[in-house]
Amino acid sequence: MKLNNLNITTKEIVNIVKYSTIGVLIPMFIIGVIFNALGWTTSTLNDEKVTGIKSLLVFLVTFPLYIIMCFIVQFCYIYIGLKIYNFTINLFKK
């Protein structure tokens, strides 16, 4: 069995995370918009539970922040994981 380093560039990792984030979070966004518009879910705004249009507005403002947070967490997870993988492969090659 031959062990190779995974030489994936940062740009390739960004593309992987971007497409995986889009694939998961677009359906979640659509479902969230429907649920908030119909008043099926509540959001908290200034320690007050809101429903309906206010809840939809809160959701529309906070969802991009959620996307950015998920993107950063996934990127760090993959980047650090590949660094650890390459380190262990190089360690066992010697």
Protein backbone atom coordinates (compact mmCIF):
# COMPACT_ATOMS: atom_id res chain seq x y z
CA MET A 1 0.00 0.00 0.00
CA LYS A 2 1.39 3.35 -1.00
CA LEU A 3 0.73 6.34 1.23
CA ASN A 4 0.60 9.72 -0.50
CA ASN A 5 0.27 13.21 0.86
CA LEU A 6 -2.93 14.97 0.01
CA ASN A 7 -1.71 18.20 -1.53
CA ILE A 8 -4.95 20.12 -1.68
CA THR A 9 -4.66 23.87 -2.01
CA THR A 10 -6.56 26.32 0.13
CA LYS A 11 -8.59 27.36 -2.94
CA GLU A 12 -9.70 23.76 -3.48
CA ILE A 13 -10.72 23.47 0.18
CA VAL A 14 -12.73 26.70 -0.14
CA ASN A 15 -14.52 25.27 -3.20
CA ILE A 16 -15.30 21.99 -1.43
CA VAL A 17 -16.70 23.80 1.61
CA LYS A 18 -18.58 26.31 -0.54
CA TYR A 19 -20.43 23.64 -2.52
CA SER A 20 -21.18 21.52 0.54
CA THR A 21 -22.48 24.55 2.40
CA ILE A 22 -24.66 25.61 -0.53
CA GLY A 23 -26.04 22.10 -0.92
CA VAL A 24 -27.11 21.85 2.71
CA LEU A 25 -28.07 25.37 3.66
CA ILE A 26 -30.21 26.37 0.65
CA PRO A 27 -32.90 23.80 1.49
CA MET A 28 -32.68 24.85 5.16
CA PHE A 29 -33.13 28.48 4.10
CA ILE A 30 -36.22 27.68 2.02
CA ILE A 31 -37.78 25.66 4.84
CA GLY A 32 -36.92 28.41 7.35
CA VAL A 33 -38.51 31.11 5.21
CA ILE A 34 -41.70 29.07 4.81
CA PHE A 35 -41.93 28.20 8.51
CA ASN A 36 -41.25 31.77 9.64
CA ALA A 37 -43.61 33.33 7.10
CA LEU A 38 -46.45 31.05 8.19
CA GLY A 39 -45.73 31.66 11.89
CA TRP A 40 -44.90 28.04 12.66
CA THR A 41 -41.65 28.96 14.41
CA THR A 42 -40.63 31.72 16.77
CA SER A 43 -37.54 33.85 16.96
CA THR A 44 -36.15 35.79 19.88
CA LEU A 45 -35.66 39.51 19.42
CA ASN A 46 -34.59 41.58 22.45
CA ASP A 47 -35.62 38.78 24.84
CA GLU A 48 -39.09 38.69 23.32
CA LYS A 49 -40.57 35.82 21.32
CA VAL A 50 -41.77 37.01 17.92
CA THR A 51 -43.67 35.22 15.16
CA GLY A 52 -44.84 36.00 11.66
CA ILE A 53 -43.24 38.80 9.66
CA LYS A 54 -40.98 39.91 12.55
CA SER A 55 -39.73 36.37 12.90
CA LEU A 56 -39.12 36.21 9.15
CA LEU A 57 -37.11 39.42 9.24
CA VAL A 58 -35.02 38.16 12.16
CA PHE A 59 -34.41 34.93 10.25
CA LEU A 60 -33.39 36.78 7.07
CA VAL A 61 -30.91 38.91 9.00
CA THR A 62 -29.34 36.11 11.04
CA PHE A 63 -29.18 33.37 8.40
CA PRO A 64 -26.19 34.88 6.51
CA LEU A 65 -24.30 34.97 9.82
CA TYR A 66 -25.14 31.29 10.30
CA ILE A 67 -23.84 30.53 6.78
CA ILE A 68 -20.57 32.34 7.46
CA MET A 69 -20.14 30.57 10.79
CA CYS A 70 -20.76 27.13 9.24
CA PHE A 71 -18.39 27.91 6.38
CA ILE A 72 -15.56 28.91 8.73
CA VAL A 73 -16.05 25.88 10.99
CA GLN A 74 -16.07 23.44 8.05
CA PHE A 75 -13.04 25.09 6.45
CA CYS A 76 -11.02 24.92 9.68
CA TYR A 77 -12.09 21.31 10.24
CA ILE A 78 -10.95 20.20 6.78
CA TYR A 79 -7.78 22.34 6.75
CA ILE A 80 -6.56 21.21 10.17
CA GLY A 81 -7.56 17.61 9.44
CA LEU A 82 -5.50 17.58 6.24
CA LYS A 83 -2.52 19.10 8.06
CA ILE A 84 -2.72 16.38 10.72
CA TYR A 85 -3.12 13.70 8.04
CA ASN A 86 -0.10 14.92 6.07
CA PHE A 87 1.96 15.16 9.28
CA THR A 88 1.16 11.57 10.28
CA ILE A 89 1.84 10.26 6.78
CA ASN A 90 5.22 12.01 6.74
CA LEU A 91 5.94 10.69 10.24
CA PHE A 92 5.28 7.07 9.27
CA LYS A 93 7.19 7.34 5.97
CA LYS A 94 10.44 7.83 7.89
